[in-house]
Amino acid sequence: MGDDNDVRIYDKKYIKGLEFEAVFFVDIDQLAEQSPDLFLKYLYVGSSRAATFFAMTSKKSLPDSIISIRGQFVDNWQDI
């Protein structure tokens, strides 16, 4: 549906099996707090759907379960 140039927003529970040019997780720390039992599954499915670009933001800090990959990220958009 829609034009190929449109931005579409999907809930994390509906993206299994799809691929996207870019994937963004907004407030990843809140996702970890709200769904601790599904957090890593959601993160895996979302990150594996990104064809070109993957980004995430957090309000406070990265969840403990992914702090070990902190070195793979940049602090702001200007660093990309």
N, C-alpha and C. Protein backbone atom coordinates (compact mmCIF):
# COMPACT_ATOMS: atom_id res chain seq x y z
N MET A 1 0.84 -1.19 0.00
CA MET A 1 0.00 0.00 0.00
C MET A 1 0.87 1.24 0.00
N GLY A 2 0.40 2.27 -0.62
CA GLY A 2 1.11 3.54 -0.60
C GLY A 2 2.21 3.60 -1.64
N ASP A 3 2.83 4.73 -1.70
CA ASP A 3 3.92 5.01 -2.62
C ASP A 3 5.22 4.44 -2.06
N ASP A 4 6.12 3.99 -2.92
CA ASP A 4 7.40 3.45 -2.47
C ASP A 4 8.23 4.46 -1.70
N ASN A 5 7.98 5.73 -1.88
CA ASN A 5 8.73 6.76 -1.19
C ASN A 5 8.13 7.15 0.15
N ASP A 6 6.99 6.57 0.51
CA ASP A 6 6.35 6.88 1.78
C ASP A 6 7.10 6.24 2.94
N VAL A 7 7.06 6.90 4.07
CA VAL A 7 7.60 6.33 5.30
C VAL A 7 6.46 5.57 5.97
N ARG A 8 6.71 4.33 6.30
CA ARG A 8 5.70 3.52 6.98
C ARG A 8 6.21 3.13 8.35
N ILE A 9 5.31 3.12 9.30
CA ILE A 9 5.67 2.77 10.67
C ILE A 9 4.92 1.50 11.04
N TYR A 10 5.68 0.51 11.54
CA TYR A 10 5.10 -0.77 11.91
C TYR A 10 5.38 -1.05 13.38
N ASP A 11 4.45 -1.67 14.04
CA ASP A 11 4.69 -2.16 15.39
C ASP A 11 5.64 -3.34 15.29
N LYS A 12 6.51 -3.49 16.26
CA LYS A 12 7.53 -4.54 16.25
C LYS A 12 6.95 -5.94 16.11
N LYS A 13 5.72 -6.14 16.54
CA LYS A 13 5.15 -7.48 16.48
C LYS A 13 4.65 -7.87 15.09
N TYR A 14 4.67 -6.94 14.13
CA TYR A 14 4.16 -7.24 12.80
C TYR A 14 5.23 -7.31 11.72
N ILE A 15 6.51 -7.27 12.07
CA ILE A 15 7.53 -7.17 11.04
C ILE A 15 8.24 -8.47 10.71
N LYS A 16 7.90 -9.55 11.39
CA LYS A 16 8.57 -10.82 11.13
C LYS A 16 8.37 -11.21 9.66
N GLY A 17 9.47 -11.53 9.00
CA GLY A 17 9.42 -11.95 7.61
C GLY A 17 9.52 -10.82 6.61
N LEU A 18 9.50 -9.58 7.05
CA LEU A 18 9.59 -8.43 6.15
C LEU A 18 11.01 -7.88 6.17
N GLU A 19 11.37 -7.11 5.14
CA GLU A 19 12.66 -6.43 5.10
C GLU A 19 12.42 -4.96 4.83
N PHE A 20 13.24 -4.11 5.46
CA PHE A 20 13.08 -2.66 5.33
C PHE A 20 14.43 -2.03 5.01
N GLU A 21 14.40 -0.92 4.32
CA GLU A 21 15.62 -0.18 4.02
C GLU A 21 16.27 0.28 5.32
N ALA A 22 15.46 0.77 6.25
CA ALA A 22 15.97 1.26 7.53
C ALA A 22 15.05 0.81 8.65
N VAL A 23 15.64 0.55 9.82
CA VAL A 23 14.87 0.17 11.01
C VAL A 23 15.32 1.07 12.15
N PHE A 24 14.37 1.63 12.87
CA PHE A 24 14.63 2.49 14.02
C PHE A 24 13.91 1.93 15.24
N PHE A 25 14.62 1.80 16.34
CA PHE A 25 14.00 1.50 17.62
C PHE A 25 14.10 2.77 18.44
N VAL A 26 12.98 3.33 18.82
CA VAL A 26 12.95 4.55 19.61
C VAL A 26 12.74 4.17 21.07
N ASP A 27 13.59 4.71 21.94
CA ASP A 27 13.53 4.44 23.39
C ASP A 27 13.68 2.94 23.68
N ILE A 28 14.77 2.39 23.22
CA ILE A 28 15.05 0.96 23.39
C ILE A 28 15.05 0.55 24.86
N ASP A 29 15.45 1.46 25.74
CA ASP A 29 15.46 1.16 27.17
C ASP A 29 14.05 0.95 27.71
N GLN A 30 13.09 1.70 27.19
CA GLN A 30 11.71 1.51 27.62
C GLN A 30 11.15 0.19 27.12
N LEU A 31 11.53 -0.21 25.92
CA LEU A 31 11.10 -1.52 25.40
C LEU A 31 11.61 -2.63 26.31
N ALA A 32 12.86 -2.52 26.74
CA ALA A 32 13.44 -3.53 27.63
C ALA A 32 12.71 -3.58 28.96
N GLU A 33 12.28 -2.43 29.46
CA GLU A 33 11.54 -2.39 30.73
C GLU A 33 10.12 -2.93 30.57
N GLN A 34 9.47 -2.60 29.46
CA GLN A 34 8.09 -3.00 29.25
C GLN A 34 7.94 -4.47 28.87
N SER A 35 8.91 -5.01 28.14
CA SER A 35 8.83 -6.40 27.67
C SER A 35 10.15 -7.13 27.90
N PRO A 36 10.57 -7.28 29.16
CA PRO A 36 11.88 -7.89 29.42
C PRO A 36 12.00 -9.31 28.89
N ASP A 37 10.91 -10.05 28.88
CA ASP A 37 10.97 -11.42 28.39
C ASP A 37 11.04 -11.52 26.87
N LEU A 38 10.59 -10.49 26.16
CA LEU A 38 10.60 -10.49 24.69
C LEU A 38 11.61 -9.52 24.10
N PHE A 39 12.26 -8.73 24.93
CA PHE A 39 13.12 -7.66 24.45
C PHE A 39 14.17 -8.14 23.44
N LEU A 40 14.96 -9.14 23.77
CA LEU A 40 16.02 -9.59 22.86
C LEU A 40 15.45 -10.20 21.59
N LYS A 41 14.30 -10.82 21.66
CA LYS A 41 13.65 -11.36 20.45
C LYS A 41 13.22 -10.23 19.54
N TYR A 42 12.58 -9.20 20.12
CA TYR A 42 12.18 -8.03 19.34
C TYR A 42 13.40 -7.36 18.70
N LEU A 43 14.45 -7.22 19.46
CA LEU A 43 15.66 -6.58 18.96
C LEU A 43 16.27 -7.39 17.82
N TYR A 44 16.32 -8.69 17.96
CA TYR A 44 16.85 -9.54 16.89
C TYR A 44 16.01 -9.43 15.63
N VAL A 45 14.71 -9.57 15.76
CA VAL A 45 13.83 -9.50 14.59
C VAL A 45 13.94 -8.13 13.93
N GLY A 46 13.89 -7.07 14.72
CA GLY A 46 13.98 -5.72 14.15
C GLY A 46 15.31 -5.45 13.47
N SER A 47 16.40 -5.79 14.14
CA SER A 47 17.72 -5.50 13.56
C SER A 47 18.01 -6.36 12.35
N SER A 48 17.48 -7.55 12.29
CA SER A 48 17.74 -8.42 11.14
C SER A 48 16.87 -8.06 9.94
N ARG A 49 15.94 -7.13 10.10
CA ARG A 49 15.09 -6.68 8.99
C ARG A 49 15.68 -5.47 8.27
N ALA A 50 16.71 -4.86 8.82
CA ALA A 50 17.29 -3.64 8.24
C ALA A 50 18.22 -4.00 7.08
N ALA A 51 17.87 -3.57 5.88
CA ALA A 51 18.70 -3.86 4.71
C ALA A 51 19.91 -2.93 4.64
N THR A 52 19.75 -1.67 5.03
CA THR A 52 20.82 -0.69 4.88
C THR A 52 21.19 0.01 6.17
N PHE A 53 20.20 0.36 6.98
CA PHE A 53 20.46 1.23 8.12
C PHE A 53 19.68 0.75 9.34
N PHE A 54 20.35 0.72 10.50
CA PHE A 54 19.71 0.35 11.76
C PHE A 54 20.08 1.40 12.81
N ALA A 55 19.08 1.87 13.53
CA ALA A 55 19.34 2.88 14.56
C ALA A 55 18.46 2.62 15.76
N MET A 56 18.94 3.07 16.91
CA MET A 56 18.13 3.00 18.12
C MET A 56 18.44 4.20 18.99
N THR A 57 17.45 4.58 19.78
CA THR A 57 17.63 5.65 20.75
C THR A 57 17.26 5.10 22.12
N SER A 58 17.72 5.78 23.14
CA SER A 58 17.32 5.43 24.51
C SER A 58 17.13 6.72 25.29
N LYS A 59 16.22 6.71 26.22
CA LYS A 59 15.99 7.89 27.05
C LYS A 59 17.05 8.02 28.12
N LYS A 60 17.43 6.89 28.73
CA LYS A 60 18.38 6.92 29.84
C LYS A 60 19.70 6.29 29.42
N SER A 61 19.72 4.98 29.34
CA SER A 61 20.95 4.27 28.96
C SER A 61 20.57 2.97 28.27
N LEU A 62 21.55 2.34 27.68
CA LEU A 62 21.29 1.06 27.03
C LEU A 62 20.92 0.00 28.07
N PRO A 63 20.03 -0.89 27.72
CA PRO A 63 19.72 -2.00 28.63
C PRO A 63 20.97 -2.84 28.90
N ASP A 64 21.07 -3.39 30.09
CA ASP A 64 22.23 -4.19 30.48
C ASP A 64 22.51 -5.33 29.51
N SER A 65 21.46 -5.92 28.95
CA SER A 65 21.65 -7.09 28.08
C SER A 65 22.35 -6.76 26.76
N ILE A 66 22.43 -5.48 26.39
CA ILE A 66 23.12 -5.13 25.14
C ILE A 66 24.28 -4.14 25.36
N ILE A 67 24.62 -3.88 26.59
CA ILE A 67 25.70 -2.93 26.89
C ILE A 67 27.03 -3.38 26.30
N SER A 68 27.20 -4.69 26.11
CA SER A 68 28.47 -5.20 25.58
C SER A 68 28.69 -4.80 24.12
N ILE A 69 27.66 -4.41 23.40
CA ILE A 69 27.83 -3.99 22.00
C ILE A 69 27.84 -2.47 21.85
N ARG A 70 27.95 -1.76 22.96
CA ARG A 70 27.96 -0.29 22.96
C ARG A 70 28.99 0.29 22.01
N GLY A 71 30.13 -0.34 21.88
CA GLY A 71 31.18 0.15 21.00
C GLY A 71 30.83 0.16 19.52
N GLN A 72 29.76 -0.52 19.15
CA GLN A 72 29.33 -0.58 17.75
C GLN A 72 28.46 0.61 17.36
N PHE A 73 28.08 1.45 18.34
CA PHE A 73 27.17 2.56 18.09
C PHE A 73 27.88 3.90 18.14
N VAL A 74 27.25 4.90 17.54
CA VAL A 74 27.73 6.28 17.64
C VAL A 74 26.79 7.05 18.56
N ASP A 75 27.26 8.16 19.09
CA ASP A 75 26.47 8.94 20.05
C ASP A 75 25.46 9.87 19.40
N ASN A 76 25.69 10.27 18.16
CA ASN A 76 24.76 11.19 17.52
C ASN A 76 24.83 11.04 16.01
N TRP A 77 23.87 11.65 15.33
CA TRP A 77 23.74 11.50 13.89
C TRP A 77 24.94 12.08 13.14
N GLN A 78 25.60 13.09 13.69
CA GLN A 78 26.72 13.71 12.99
C GLN A 78 27.90 12.75 12.85
N ASP A 79 27.96 11.71 13.69
CA ASP A 79 29.07 10.76 13.65
C ASP A 79 28.92 9.70 12.56
N ILE A 80 27.78 9.70 11.90
CA ILE A 80 27.54 8.67 10.88
C ILE A 80 28.24 9.00 9.60
